[in-house]
Protein backbone atom coordinates (compact mmCIF):
# COMPACT_ATOMS: atom_id res chain seq x y z
CA MET A 1 108.23 70.54 84.77
CA ILE A 2 110.46 69.94 87.72
CA ASN A 3 113.39 67.64 87.60
CA GLN A 4 113.47 65.70 90.83
CA LYS A 5 116.47 63.74 89.93
CA PRO A 6 118.77 64.72 92.88
CA ALA A 7 122.07 63.53 91.49
CA GLN A 8 123.29 65.32 88.36
CA SER A 9 126.70 64.16 87.42
CA GLY A 10 129.19 65.54 90.05
CA TYR A 11 126.39 67.46 92.06
CA ILE A 12 123.55 66.66 94.44
CA GLU A 13 120.69 69.01 93.64
CA ALA A 14 117.50 69.84 95.40
CA ILE A 15 114.42 71.92 94.69
CA GLY A 16 112.68 73.94 97.66
CA ILE A 17 109.22 75.54 97.46
CA GLY A 18 108.17 78.39 99.68
CA ALA A 19 105.24 80.65 100.28
CA SER A 20 104.67 83.50 102.43
CA ASP A 21 101.83 85.17 104.25
CA PRO A 22 99.44 86.61 101.86
CA SER A 23 98.23 89.32 104.12
CA LEU A 24 101.65 91.05 103.76
CA THR A 25 101.04 94.39 102.14
CA SER A 26 104.15 94.62 99.94
CA ASP A 27 104.92 92.04 97.12
CA THR A 28 108.72 92.61 98.04
CA GLN A 29 107.90 91.35 101.40
CA ARG A 30 105.91 88.36 100.29
CA LYS A 31 108.55 87.53 97.45
CA SER A 32 111.56 87.77 100.25
CA LEU A 33 109.79 85.64 102.58
CA ALA A 34 108.83 83.05 100.03
CA ARG A 35 112.48 82.83 98.80
CA ASP A 36 113.77 82.64 102.21
CA ALA A 37 111.26 79.43 102.81
CA ALA A 38 112.25 77.93 99.58
CA ILE A 39 116.02 78.11 100.45
CA VAL A 40 115.37 76.52 103.82
CA LYS A 41 113.27 73.82 102.37
CA ALA A 42 116.15 72.99 99.68
CA GLN A 43 118.44 72.84 102.24
CA TYR A 44 116.40 70.36 104.11
CA GLU A 45 116.05 68.36 101.03
CA LEU A 46 119.75 68.33 100.47
CA LEU A 47 120.31 67.24 104.05
CA SER A 48 117.96 64.40 103.65
CA MET A 49 119.57 63.19 100.57
CA ILE A 50 123.18 63.51 101.96
CA LYS A 51 122.16 61.46 105.27
CA GLY A 52 121.15 58.60 103.03
CA VAL A 53 124.44 58.48 101.08
CA THR A 54 126.62 55.40 101.72
CA LEU A 55 130.15 55.93 102.41
CA GLU A 56 132.95 53.77 101.82
CA GLY A 57 132.80 50.77 104.29
CA GLY A 58 129.07 50.53 103.85
CA VAL A 59 127.81 53.05 106.53
CA THR A 60 125.46 55.88 105.65
CA VAL A 61 126.27 59.48 106.40
CA ASN A 62 123.35 59.45 108.88
CA ARG A 63 124.96 56.58 110.83
CA ALA A 64 128.50 58.25 110.64
CA ILE A 65 126.94 61.60 112.18
CA GLU A 66 125.55 59.61 115.08
CA THR A 67 129.19 58.83 116.09
CA ASP A 68 130.91 61.98 114.81
CA SER A 69 129.52 65.23 115.98
CA LYS A 70 132.43 67.17 113.92
CA LEU A 71 131.07 65.40 110.81
CA GLU A 72 127.58 66.90 111.44
CA ALA A 73 128.95 70.42 111.71
CA ARG A 74 130.89 69.86 108.39
CA VAL A 75 127.61 68.53 106.83
CA ASN A 76 125.61 71.62 107.95
CA ASP A 77 128.53 73.86 106.84
CA ALA A 78 128.56 72.38 103.29
CA ILE A 79 124.65 72.63 103.06
CA LYS A 80 124.79 76.26 104.08
CA GLY A 81 127.21 76.88 101.39
CA ALA A 82 125.33 75.22 98.61
CA GLU A 83 125.02 77.16 95.24
CA ILE A 84 121.66 78.64 94.43
CA LEU A 85 121.04 77.68 90.69
CA LYS A 86 117.70 79.23 90.09
CA THR A 87 115.10 81.31 91.75
CA GLU A 88 111.59 81.39 90.10
CA PHE A 89 108.74 83.34 91.57
CA THR A 90 105.16 82.04 90.88
CA SER A 91 102.13 84.09 89.95
CA ASP A 92 101.12 84.24 93.56
CA ASN A 93 104.45 85.43 94.87
CA GLY A 94 105.59 81.91 95.94
CA CYS A 95 108.99 80.79 95.15
CA VAL A 96 110.91 77.78 93.76
CA VAL A 97 114.60 77.58 94.50
CA THR A 98 116.98 75.07 92.85
CA MET A 99 120.32 74.59 94.89
CA ARG A 100 123.32 72.16 94.33
CA LEU A 101 126.34 71.08 96.04
CA PRO A 102 129.35 69.54 94.19
CA LYS A 103 129.85 65.95 95.53
CA ALA A 104 133.70 66.49 95.39
CA ARG A 105 133.43 69.63 97.82
CA LEU A 106 131.19 67.75 99.97
CA GLU A 107 133.59 64.98 100.21
CA GLN A 108 136.35 67.32 101.02
CA MET A 109 134.56 69.12 103.66
CA MET A 110 133.13 66.15 105.29
CA GLY A 111 136.62 64.11 104.83
CA VAL A 112 135.03 60.90 103.51
CA LYS A 113 134.60 59.33 100.33
CA PHE A 114 131.22 58.50 98.90
CA GLN A 115 130.56 54.99 97.25
């Protein structure tokens, strides 16, 4: 069972599921590409969650990014530095990756405070 609850205490967590081209000849290639795809998907999910977060003052991160290009860069850097908690391969060489970001680290990197 996959826990889809994004906020786990002091963290924001996301799950990414990836697949690769089944015509590749090597299991290693298929697994590597599936893992890469799962990481990208999990990062996208983290970004979607973060953009919806409300900051002090009632503004969402998404709205704040529209007016501050440096904030967007800091958010992207934070997401790229997210911790991979778990990597699981499926029987068909797909991959499921769980990533998390500490809320405190995200607030520090962004220079903002979440509500």
